[in-house]
PDB file of N, CA and C in Angstrom:
ATOM      1  N   MET A   1       0.838  -1.168   0.000  1.00  0.00           N
ATOM      2  CA  MET A   1       0.000   0.000   0.000  1.00  0.00           C
ATOM      3  C   MET A   1       0.891   1.242   0.000  1.00  0.00           C
ATOM      4  N   THR A   2       0.545   2.221  -0.797  1.00  0.00           N
ATOM      5  CA  THR A   2       1.305   3.463  -0.891  1.00  0.00           C
ATOM      6  C   THR A   2       0.866   4.439   0.198  1.00  0.00           C
ATOM      7  N   HIS A   3       1.866   5.056   0.832  1.00  0.00           N
ATOM      8  CA  HIS A   3       1.616   6.033   1.886  1.00  0.00           C
ATOM      9  C   HIS A   3       2.283   7.348   1.505  1.00  0.00           C
ATOM     10  N   THR A   4       1.609   8.446   1.809  1.00  0.00           N
ATOM     11  CA  THR A   4       2.141   9.783   1.575  1.00  0.00           C
ATOM     12  C   THR A   4       2.113  10.535   2.891  1.00  0.00           C
ATOM     13  N   TYR A   5       3.222  11.187   3.201  1.00  0.00           N
ATOM     14  CA  TYR A   5       3.363  11.888   4.477  1.00  0.00           C
ATOM     15  C   TYR A   5       3.891  13.295   4.217  1.00  0.00           C
ATOM     16  N   LYS A   6       3.204  14.294   4.730  1.00  0.00           N
ATOM     17  CA  LYS A   6       3.666  15.691   4.649  1.00  0.00           C
ATOM     18  C   LYS A   6       4.630  15.931   5.810  1.00  0.00           C
ATOM     19  N   THR A   7       5.848  16.287   5.480  1.00  0.00           N
ATOM     20  CA  THR A   7       6.861  16.474   6.511  1.00  0.00           C
ATOM     21  C   THR A   7       6.676  17.794   7.244  1.00  0.00           C
ATOM     22  N   LYS A   8       7.294  17.874   8.415  1.00  0.00           N
ATOM     23  CA  LYS A   8       7.236  19.076   9.238  1.00  0.00           C
ATOM     24  C   LYS A   8       8.644  19.395   9.732  1.00  0.00           C
ATOM     25  N   GLY A   9       9.100  20.630   9.503  1.00  0.00           N
ATOM     26  CA  GLY A   9      10.373  21.070  10.044  1.00  0.00           C
ATOM     27  C   GLY A   9      11.607  20.658   9.260  1.00  0.00           C
ATOM     28  N   THR A  10      11.429  20.218   8.009  1.00  0.00           N
ATOM     29  CA  THR A  10      12.571  19.817   7.183  1.00  0.00           C
ATOM     30  C   THR A  10      12.512  20.489   5.817  1.00  0.00           C
ATOM     31  N   CYS A  11      13.616  20.390   5.096  1.00  0.00           N
ATOM     32  CA  CYS A  11      13.672  20.945   3.739  1.00  0.00           C
ATOM     33  C   CYS A  11      12.794  20.147   2.783  1.00  0.00           C
ATOM     34  N   SER A  12      12.697  18.841   3.006  1.00  0.00           N
ATOM     35  CA  SER A  12      11.785  18.044   2.175  1.00  0.00           C
ATOM     36  C   SER A  12      10.356  18.372   2.588  1.00  0.00           C
ATOM     37  N   LYS A  13       9.454  18.284   1.649  1.00  0.00           N
ATOM     38  CA  LYS A  13       8.064  18.657   1.910  1.00  0.00           C
ATOM     39  C   LYS A  13       7.135  17.449   2.024  1.00  0.00           C
ATOM     40  N   GLN A  14       7.555  16.318   1.414  1.00  0.00           N
ATOM     41  CA  GLN A  14       6.662  15.159   1.387  1.00  0.00           C
ATOM     42  C   GLN A  14       7.481  13.893   1.178  1.00  0.00           C
ATOM     43  N   ILE A  15       6.993  12.799   1.749  1.00  0.00           N
ATOM     44  CA  ILE A  15       7.602  11.487   1.564  1.00  0.00           C
ATOM     45  C   ILE A  15       6.512  10.533   1.081  1.00  0.00           C
ATOM     46  N   THR A  16       6.843   9.745   0.071  1.00  0.00           N
ATOM     47  CA  THR A  16       5.941   8.710  -0.418  1.00  0.00           C
ATOM     48  C   THR A  16       6.690   7.384  -0.369  1.00  0.00           C
ATOM     49  N   PHE A  17       6.017   6.344   0.065  1.00  0.00           N
ATOM     50  CA  PHE A  17       6.640   5.021   0.120  1.00  0.00           C
ATOM     51  C   PHE A  17       5.566   3.950   0.100  1.00  0.00           C
ATOM     52  N   ASP A  18       5.986   2.743  -0.247  1.00  0.00           N
ATOM     53  CA  ASP A  18       5.101   1.587  -0.210  1.00  0.00           C
ATOM     54  C   ASP A  18       5.437   0.776   1.026  1.00  0.00           C
ATOM     55  N   LEU A  19       4.409   0.213   1.637  1.00  0.00           N
ATOM     56  CA  LEU A  19       4.572  -0.670   2.783  1.00  0.00           C
ATOM     57  C   LEU A  19       3.711  -1.899   2.526  1.00  0.00           C
ATOM     58  N   ASN A  20       4.374  -3.016   2.263  1.00  0.00           N
ATOM     59  CA  ASN A  20       3.671  -4.268   1.985  1.00  0.00           C
ATOM     60  C   ASN A  20       4.255  -5.378   2.845  1.00  0.00           C
ATOM     61  N   ASP A  21       3.403  -5.997   3.651  1.00  0.00           N
ATOM     62  CA  ASP A  21       3.836  -7.073   4.551  1.00  0.00           C
ATOM     63  C   ASP A  21       4.998  -6.639   5.439  1.00  0.00           C
ATOM     64  N   GLY A  22       4.967  -5.375   5.865  1.00  0.00           N
ATOM     65  CA  GLY A  22       5.977  -4.868   6.777  1.00  0.00           C
ATOM     66  C   GLY A  22       7.303  -4.503   6.133  1.00  0.00           C
ATOM     67  N   ILE A  23       7.364  -4.503   4.807  1.00  0.00           N
ATOM     68  CA  ILE A  23       8.593  -4.198   4.077  1.00  0.00           C
ATOM     69  C   ILE A  23       8.451  -2.858   3.349  1.00  0.00           C
ATOM     70  N   ILE A  24       9.485  -2.031   3.442  1.00  0.00           N
ATOM     71  CA  ILE A  24       9.505  -0.702   2.823  1.00  0.00           C
ATOM     72  C   ILE A  24      10.040  -0.787   1.393  1.00  0.00           C
ATOM     73  N   SER A  25       9.408  -0.065   0.484  1.00  0.00           N
ATOM     74  CA  SER A  25       9.920   0.031  -0.884  1.00  0.00           C
ATOM     75  C   SER A  25       9.477   1.346  -1.514  1.00  0.00           C
ATOM     76  N   ASN A  26      10.117   1.694  -2.620  1.00  0.00           N
ATOM     77  CA  ASN A  26       9.752   2.863  -3.432  1.00  0.00           C
ATOM     78  C   ASN A  26       9.687   4.162  -2.638  1.00  0.00           C
ATOM     79  N   VAL A  27      10.674   4.399  -1.797  1.00  0.00           N
ATOM     80  CA  VAL A  27      10.707   5.631  -1.004  1.00  0.00           C
ATOM     81  C   VAL A  27      11.142   6.797  -1.893  1.00  0.00           C
ATOM     82  N   SER A  28      10.389   7.890  -1.842  1.00  0.00           N
ATOM     83  CA  SER A  28      10.786   9.096  -2.561  1.00  0.00           C
ATOM     84  C   SER A  28      10.436  10.324  -1.727  1.00  0.00           C
ATOM     85  N   PHE A  29      11.330  11.295  -1.795  1.00  0.00           N
ATOM     86  CA  PHE A  29      11.172  12.553  -1.082  1.00  0.00           C
ATOM     87  C   PHE A  29      10.934  13.660  -2.094  1.00  0.00           C
ATOM     88  N   VAL A  30      10.111  14.637  -1.733  1.00  0.00           N
ATOM     89  CA  VAL A  30       9.932  15.847  -2.541  1.00  0.00           C
ATOM     90  C   VAL A  30      10.691  16.949  -1.824  1.00  0.00           C
ATOM     91  N   GLY A  31      11.685  17.521  -2.499  1.00  0.00           N
ATOM     92  CA  GLY A  31      12.519  18.546  -1.891  1.00  0.00           C
ATOM     93  C   GLY A  31      13.614  17.924  -1.050  1.00  0.00           C
ATOM     94  N   GLY A  32      14.347  18.760  -0.373  1.00  0.00           N
ATOM     95  CA  GLY A  32      15.422  18.284   0.485  1.00  0.00           C
ATOM     96  C   GLY A  32      16.725  18.121  -0.269  1.00  0.00           C
ATOM     97  N   CYS A  33      17.700  17.524   0.367  1.00  0.00           N
ATOM     98  CA  CYS A  33      19.032  17.304  -0.198  1.00  0.00           C
ATOM     99  C   CYS A  33      18.990  16.064  -1.087  1.00  0.00           C
ATOM    100  N   ASN A  34      18.873  16.280  -2.372  1.00  0.00           N
ATOM    101  CA  ASN A  34      18.606  15.217  -3.325  1.00  0.00           C
ATOM    102  C   ASN A  34      19.530  14.011  -3.185  1.00  0.00           C
ATOM    103  N   GLY A  35      20.821  14.220  -3.176  1.00  0.00           N
ATOM    104  CA  GLY A  35      21.758  13.099  -3.103  1.00  0.00           C
ATOM    105  C   GLY A  35      21.620  12.310  -1.813  1.00  0.00           C
ATOM    106  N   ASN A  36      21.558  13.015  -0.697  1.00  0.00           N
ATOM    107  CA  ASN A  36      21.426  12.338   0.598  1.00  0.00           C
ATOM    108  C   ASN A  36      20.123  11.547   0.686  1.00  0.00           C
ATOM    109  N   LEU A  37      19.049  12.134   0.181  1.00  0.00           N
ATOM    110  CA  LEU A  37      17.752  11.464   0.298  1.00  0.00           C
ATOM    111  C   LEU A  37      17.635  10.295  -0.672  1.00  0.00           C
ATOM    112  N   GLN A  38      18.327  10.363  -1.814  1.00  0.00           N
ATOM    113  CA  GLN A  38      18.391   9.193  -2.691  1.00  0.00           C
ATOM    114  C   GLN A  38      19.123   8.063  -1.967  1.00  0.00           C
ATOM    115  N   GLY A  39      20.191   8.424  -1.249  1.00  0.00           N
ATOM    116  CA  GLY A  39      20.938   7.434  -0.484  1.00  0.00           C
ATOM    117  C   GLY A  39      20.094   6.789   0.595  1.00  0.00           C
ATOM    118  N   VAL A  40      19.375   7.601   1.363  1.00  0.00           N
ATOM    119  CA  VAL A  40      18.488   7.071   2.408  1.00  0.00           C
ATOM    120  C   VAL A  40      17.461   6.132   1.778  1.00  0.00           C
ATOM    121  N   SER A  41      16.880   6.558   0.667  1.00  0.00           N
ATOM    122  CA  SER A  41      15.858   5.746  -0.007  1.00  0.00           C
ATOM    123  C   SER A  41      16.408   4.393  -0.419  1.00  0.00           C
ATOM    124  N   LYS A  42      17.609   4.363  -0.976  1.00  0.00           N
ATOM    125  CA  LYS A  42      18.231   3.105  -1.403  1.00  0.00           C
ATOM    126  C   LYS A  42      18.566   2.214  -0.212  1.00  0.00           C
ATOM    127  N   LEU A  43      19.033   2.831   0.872  1.00  0.00           N
ATOM    128  CA  LEU A  43      19.426   2.060   2.045  1.00  0.00           C
ATOM    129  C   LEU A  43      18.249   1.375   2.739  1.00  0.00           C
ATOM    130  N   VAL A  44      17.073   1.986   2.705  1.00  0.00           N
ATOM    131  CA  VAL A  44      15.924   1.396   3.390  1.00  0.00           C
ATOM    132  C   VAL A  44      15.115   0.467   2.488  1.00  0.00           C
ATOM    133  N   GLU A  45      15.371   0.483   1.191  1.00  0.00           N
ATOM    134  CA  GLU A  45      14.648  -0.355   0.227  1.00  0.00           C
ATOM    135  C   GLU A  45      14.739  -1.827   0.646  1.00  0.00           C
ATOM    136  N   GLY A  46      13.583  -2.469   0.778  1.00  0.00           N
ATOM    137  CA  GLY A  46      13.527  -3.892   1.105  1.00  0.00           C
ATOM    138  C   GLY A  46      13.722  -4.215   2.574  1.00  0.00           C
ATOM    139  N   GLN A  47      13.868  -3.195   3.406  1.00  0.00           N
ATOM    140  CA  GLN A  47      14.077  -3.404   4.839  1.00  0.00           C
ATOM    141  C   GLN A  47      12.742  -3.517   5.581  1.00  0.00           C
ATOM    142  N   LYS A  48      12.800  -4.152   6.742  1.00  0.00           N
ATOM    143  CA  LYS A  48      11.613  -4.240   7.592  1.00  0.00           C
ATOM    144  C   LYS A  48      11.298  -2.851   8.127  1.00  0.00           C
ATOM    145  N   ALA A  49      10.034  -2.477   8.066  1.00  0.00           N
ATOM    146  CA  ALA A  49       9.597  -1.150   8.495  1.00  0.00           C
ATOM    147  C   ALA A  49       9.982  -0.872   9.941  1.00  0.00           C
ATOM    148  N   GLU A  50       9.807  -1.831  10.815  1.00  0.00           N
ATOM    149  CA  GLU A  50      10.116  -1.605  12.234  1.00  0.00           C
ATOM    150  C   GLU A  50      11.607  -1.387  12.449  1.00  0.00           C
ATOM    151  N   ASP A  51      12.450  -2.082  11.681  1.00  0.00           N
ATOM    152  CA  ASP A  51      13.898  -1.877  11.796  1.00  0.00           C
ATOM    153  C   ASP A  51      14.280  -0.473  11.360  1.00  0.00           C
ATOM    154  N   VAL A  52      13.718  -0.018  10.246  1.00  0.00           N
ATOM    155  CA  VAL A  52      13.997   1.324   9.736  1.00  0.00           C
ATOM    156  C   VAL A  52      13.513   2.366  10.746  1.00  0.00           C
ATOM    157  N   LEU A  53      12.331   2.171  11.281  1.00  0.00           N
ATOM    158  CA  LEU A  53      11.765   3.083  12.273  1.00  0.00           C
ATOM    159  C   LEU A  53      12.715   3.250  13.456  1.00  0.00           C
ATOM    160  N   HIS A  54      13.196   2.146  13.999  1.00  0.00           N
ATOM    161  CA  HIS A  54      14.056   2.214  15.182  1.00  0.00           C
ATOM    162  C   HIS A  54      15.423   2.822  14.879  1.00  0.00           C
ATOM    163  N   LYS A  55      15.937   2.615  13.662  1.00  0.00           N
ATOM    164  CA  LYS A  55      17.244   3.166  13.305  1.00  0.00           C
ATOM    165  C   LYS A  55      17.192   4.669  13.040  1.00  0.00           C
ATOM    166  N   LEU A  56      16.097   5.157  12.457  1.00  0.00           N
ATOM    167  CA  LEU A  56      16.042   6.548  12.006  1.00  0.00           C
ATOM    168  C   LEU A  56      15.357   7.506  12.968  1.00  0.00           C
ATOM    169  N   LYS A  57      14.485   6.998  13.820  1.00  0.00           N
ATOM    170  CA  LYS A  57      13.729   7.881  14.707  1.00  0.00           C
ATOM    171  C   LYS A  57      14.654   8.621  15.664  1.00  0.00           C
ATOM    172  N   GLY A  58      14.485   9.936  15.709  1.00  0.00           N
ATOM    173  CA  GLY A  58      15.246  10.762  16.639  1.00  0.00           C
ATOM    174  C   GLY A  58      16.478  11.411  16.036  1.00  0.00           C
ATOM    175  N   ILE A  59      16.810  11.093  14.781  1.00  0.00           N
ATOM    176  CA  ILE A  59      17.951  11.739  14.142  1.00  0.00           C
ATOM    177  C   ILE A  59      17.626  13.216  13.937  1.00  0.00           C
ATOM    178  N   ARG A  60      18.580  14.070  14.270  1.00  0.00           N
ATOM    179  CA  ARG A  60      18.387  15.521  14.157  1.00  0.00           C
ATOM    180  C   ARG A  60      19.239  16.057  13.017  1.00  0.00           C
ATOM    181  N   CYS A  61      18.838  17.183  12.467  1.00  0.00           N
ATOM    182  CA  CYS A  61      19.591  17.877  11.427  1.00  0.00           C
ATOM    183  C   CYS A  61      20.092  19.180  12.032  1.00  0.00           C
ATOM    184  N   GLY A  62      21.367  19.202  12.400  1.00  0.00           N
ATOM    185  CA  GLY A  62      21.913  20.394  13.051  1.00  0.00           C
ATOM    186  C   GLY A  62      21.179  20.693  14.337  1.00  0.00           C
ATOM    187  N   VAL A  63      20.688  21.931  14.464  1.00  0.00           N
ATOM    188  CA  VAL A  63      19.972  22.325  15.674  1.00  0.00           C
ATOM    189  C   VAL A  63      18.468  22.052  15.581  1.00  0.00           C
ATOM    190  N   LYS A  64      18.018  21.604  14.407  1.00  0.00           N
ATOM    191  CA  LYS A  64      16.588  21.298  14.250  1.00  0.00           C
ATOM    192  C   LYS A  64      16.231  20.081  15.101  1.00  0.00           C
ATOM    193  N   PRO A  65      15.017  20.029  15.610  1.00  0.00           N
ATOM    194  CA  PRO A  65      14.616  18.891  16.431  1.00  0.00           C
ATOM    195  C   PRO A  65      14.259  17.640  15.608  1.00  0.00           C
ATOM    196  N   THR A  66      14.365  17.719  14.290  1.00  0.00           N
ATOM    197  CA  THR A  66      14.012  16.606  13.422  1.00  0.00           C
ATOM    198  C   THR A  66      14.950  16.607  12.216  1.00  0.00           C
ATOM    199  N   SER A  67      14.743  15.667  11.316  1.00  0.00           N
ATOM    200  CA  SER A  67      15.528  15.556  10.082  1.00  0.00           C
ATOM    201  C   SER A  67      14.686  14.799   9.075  1.00  0.00           C
ATOM    202  N   CYS A  68      15.156  14.726   7.850  1.00  0.00           N
ATOM    203  CA  CYS A  68      14.418  13.945   6.842  1.00  0.00           C
ATOM    204  C   CYS A  68      14.354  12.463   7.222  1.00  0.00           C
ATOM    205  N   PRO A  69      15.461  11.848   7.705  1.00  0.00           N
ATOM    206  CA  PRO A  69      15.345  10.465   8.156  1.00  0.00           C
ATOM    207  C   PRO A  69      14.360  10.298   9.327  1.00  0.00           C
ATOM    208  N   ASP A  70      14.374  11.251  10.262  1.00  0.00           N
ATOM    209  CA  ASP A  70      13.424  11.207  11.377  1.00  0.00           C
ATOM    210  C   ASP A  70      11.992  11.316  10.871  1.00  0.00           C
ATOM    211  N   GLN A  71      11.768  12.182   9.884  1.00  0.00           N
ATOM    212  CA  GLN A  71      10.430  12.326   9.318  1.00  0.00           C
ATOM    213  C   GLN A  71      10.000  11.036   8.619  1.00  0.00           C
ATOM    214  N   LEU A  72      10.939  10.347   7.963  1.00  0.00           N
ATOM    215  CA  LEU A  72      10.617   9.053   7.363  1.00  0.00           C
ATOM    216  C   LEU A  72      10.205   8.064   8.449  1.00  0.00           C
ATOM    217  N   ALA A  73      10.924   8.063   9.560  1.00  0.00           N
ATOM    218  CA  ALA A  73      10.565   7.187  10.679  1.00  0.00           C
ATOM    219  C   ALA A  73       9.166   7.502  11.190  1.00  0.00           C
ATOM    220  N   LEU A  74       8.832   8.773  11.320  1.00  0.00           N
ATOM    221  CA  LEU A  74       7.498   9.163  11.785  1.00  0.00           C
ATOM    222  C   LEU A  74       6.424   8.751  10.777  1.00  0.00           C
ATOM    223  N   ALA A  75       6.759   8.850   9.494  1.00  0.00           N
ATOM    224  CA  ALA A  75       5.820   8.431   8.446  1.00  0.00           C
ATOM    225  C   ALA A  75       5.570   6.928   8.518  1.00  0.00           C
ATOM    226  N   ILE A  76       6.636   6.169   8.744  1.00  0.00           N
ATOM    227  CA  ILE A  76       6.501   4.716   8.863  1.00  0.00           C
ATOM    228  C   ILE A  76       5.691   4.372  10.096  1.00  0.00           C
ATOM    229  N   GLU A  77       5.979   5.040  11.198  1.00  0.00           N
ATOM    230  CA  GLU A  77       5.225   4.811  12.430  1.00  0.00           C
ATOM    231  C   GLU A  77       3.738   5.054  12.215  1.00  0.00           C
ATOM    232  N   GLU A  78       3.416   6.152  11.543  1.00  0.00           N
ATOM    233  CA  GLU A  78       2.014   6.464  11.246  1.00  0.00           C
ATOM    234  C   GLU A  78       1.384   5.365  10.383  1.00  0.00           C
ATOM    235  N   ALA A  79       2.106   4.918   9.377  1.00  0.00           N
ATOM    236  CA  ALA A  79       1.586   3.887   8.473  1.00  0.00           C
ATOM    237  C   ALA A  79       1.369   2.563   9.217  1.00  0.00           C
ATOM    238  N   LEU A  80       2.268   2.226  10.112  1.00  0.00           N
ATOM    239  CA  LEU A  80       2.133   0.971  10.871  1.00  0.00           C
ATOM    240  C   LEU A  80       0.961   1.005  11.840  1.00  0.00           C
ATOM    241  N   ASN A  81       0.608   2.202  12.310  1.00  0.00           N
ATOM    242  CA  ASN A  81      -0.470   2.339  13.280  1.00  0.00           C
ATOM    243  C   ASN A  81      -1.846   2.511  12.646  1.00  0.00           C
ATOM    244  N   ARG A  82      -1.915   2.476  11.336  1.00  0.00           N
ATOM    245  CA  ARG A  82      -3.219   2.597  10.665  1.00  0.00           C
ATOM    246  C   ARG A  82      -3.984   1.315  10.755  1.00  0.00           C
TER     247      ARG A  82
END
């Protein structure tokens, strides 16, 4: 199932990803640091959603209280709780 999440507090504005049987795929970010976010997307491809959530949740970007990886974790958390 495809999920779309509007980010808060980051340069990226939106995250879209598929979650099927607890596995993450097709992650894409709108906006943000293109190269870094392509890397994050490739690294989480095919991974268990709960593993990705635990690894990325709480990562900060400089002095900001969140980051694009943290926002991905929050998006996954929201999708898992639906």
